[in-house]
Amino acid sequence: MMDTYRQEQNMYVEQAELLKALAHPVRLCIVKGLIEKGGCNVSTMQHCLKLPQSTISQHLAKLKAENIVSAERQGVEVIYRVHNQTVKQLMAILF
C-alpha cells in the first residue's frame, strides 16, 4: 500500500488541495449555485448569499486558483462557471 502511495503521491496531493478549496461553507454554496445556474456574476452571488462583494471575490479567487471555476468577461461583467468535472461529480454526490 505504501508503494502505491509513493507512486501516486502527486495525485493525492492534488486531490487533497481540491478538497481543501471546497472545505468552506461559502465556497460550497458558491460552487453549488454556479452549477445549478450554469454560471453567474458576482452581483448575482452577492444578492443570493447576502455577503459583501469583497468576501465573495476572495472565495472566487481561491476557487480560481485551484482551477475549480473559470471567469469569462461578457461586456462589462464577468461570468463565473464551474469547469472542473471532478468537482461537478463531487457536488452531485454531496447534494
Protein backbone atom coordinates (compact mmCIF):
# COMPACT_ATOMS: atom_id res chain seq x y z
CA MET A 1 0.00 0.00 0.00
CA MET A 2 2.81 2.44 0.81
CA ASP A 3 4.37 1.74 -2.60
CA THR A 4 1.10 2.81 -4.24
CA TYR A 5 1.06 5.99 -2.18
CA ARG A 6 4.61 6.86 -3.17
CA GLN A 7 3.91 6.19 -6.84
CA GLU A 8 0.72 8.27 -6.85
CA GLN A 9 1.67 10.90 -4.27
CA ASN A 10 1.15 13.85 -6.64
CA MET A 11 -2.38 12.70 -7.37
CA TYR A 12 -3.16 12.50 -3.64
CA VAL A 13 -1.71 15.95 -3.06
CA GLU A 14 -3.76 17.44 -5.93
CA GLN A 15 -6.98 15.86 -4.71
CA ALA A 16 -6.33 16.99 -1.13
CA GLU A 17 -5.83 20.57 -2.36
CA LEU A 18 -9.08 20.36 -4.28
CA LEU A 19 -10.93 19.17 -1.18
CA LYS A 20 -9.34 21.92 0.92
CA ALA A 21 -10.54 24.54 -1.54
CA LEU A 22 -14.09 23.21 -1.26
CA ALA A 23 -13.95 22.82 2.52
CA HIS A 24 -15.69 26.08 3.37
CA PRO A 25 -19.47 26.59 3.57
CA VAL A 26 -19.45 29.75 1.44
CA ARG A 27 -17.30 28.15 -1.28
CA LEU A 28 -19.54 25.08 -1.31
CA CYS A 29 -22.56 27.35 -1.68
CA ILE A 30 -20.91 29.31 -4.49
CA VAL A 31 -19.96 26.15 -6.38
CA LYS A 32 -23.40 24.59 -5.90
CA GLY A 33 -25.08 27.78 -7.12
CA LEU A 34 -22.82 28.09 -10.14
CA ILE A 35 -23.53 24.50 -11.14
CA GLU A 36 -27.29 24.98 -10.72
CA LYS A 37 -27.37 28.30 -12.62
CA GLY A 38 -24.78 27.34 -15.22
CA GLY A 39 -22.80 30.44 -14.28
CA CYS A 40 -23.39 33.95 -12.98
CA ASN A 41 -21.69 37.19 -11.98
CA VAL A 42 -20.60 38.40 -8.54
CA SER A 43 -23.62 40.69 -8.19
CA THR A 44 -25.99 37.73 -8.53
CA MET A 45 -23.95 35.77 -5.99
CA GLN A 46 -23.93 38.74 -3.64
CA HIS A 47 -27.72 39.03 -3.85
CA CYS A 48 -28.19 35.30 -3.13
CA LEU A 49 -25.56 34.95 -0.41
CA LYS A 50 -26.13 38.30 1.32
CA LEU A 51 -22.37 38.75 1.68
CA PRO A 52 -20.12 41.68 0.72
CA GLN A 53 -18.71 41.63 -2.78
CA SER A 54 -15.17 41.58 -1.38
CA THR A 55 -15.87 38.38 0.58
CA ILE A 56 -17.31 36.62 -2.46
CA SER A 57 -14.37 37.79 -4.58
CA GLN A 58 -11.90 36.33 -2.08
CA HIS A 59 -13.67 32.97 -2.21
CA LEU A 60 -13.79 33.08 -6.00
CA ALA A 61 -10.06 33.80 -6.10
CA LYS A 62 -9.41 30.63 -4.08
CA LEU A 63 -11.70 28.61 -6.37
CA LYS A 64 -9.98 30.03 -9.46
CA ALA A 65 -6.52 29.31 -8.03
CA GLU A 66 -7.48 25.66 -7.64
CA ASN A 67 -8.92 25.53 -11.20
CA ILE A 68 -12.43 24.86 -9.94
CA VAL A 69 -14.08 27.87 -11.56
CA SER A 70 -13.31 29.88 -14.64
CA ALA A 71 -14.15 33.50 -15.40
CA GLU A 72 -15.29 34.83 -18.75
CA ARG A 73 -15.74 38.51 -19.50
CA GLN A 74 -19.03 39.33 -21.24
CA GLY A 75 -19.13 43.04 -21.88
CA VAL A 76 -18.78 44.82 -18.54
CA GLU A 77 -19.47 41.78 -16.37
CA VAL A 78 -17.52 38.65 -15.55
CA ILE A 79 -19.39 35.34 -15.59
CA TYR A 80 -18.08 32.56 -13.37
CA ARG A 81 -18.65 28.89 -14.16
CA VAL A 82 -17.57 25.60 -12.65
CA HIS A 83 -15.48 23.87 -15.30
CA ASN A 84 -13.88 21.14 -13.18
CA GLN A 85 -15.67 17.86 -13.91
CA THR A 86 -14.37 16.19 -10.75
CA VAL A 87 -15.92 18.98 -8.68
CA LYS A 88 -19.22 18.60 -10.52
CA GLN A 89 -19.22 14.89 -9.69
CA LEU A 90 -18.34 15.56 -6.04
CA MET A 91 -21.13 18.11 -5.73
CA ALA A 92 -23.63 15.65 -7.24
CA ILE A 93 -22.65 13.16 -4.55
CA LEU A 94 -22.76 15.71 -1.73
CA PHE A 95 -26.05 17.30 -2.73
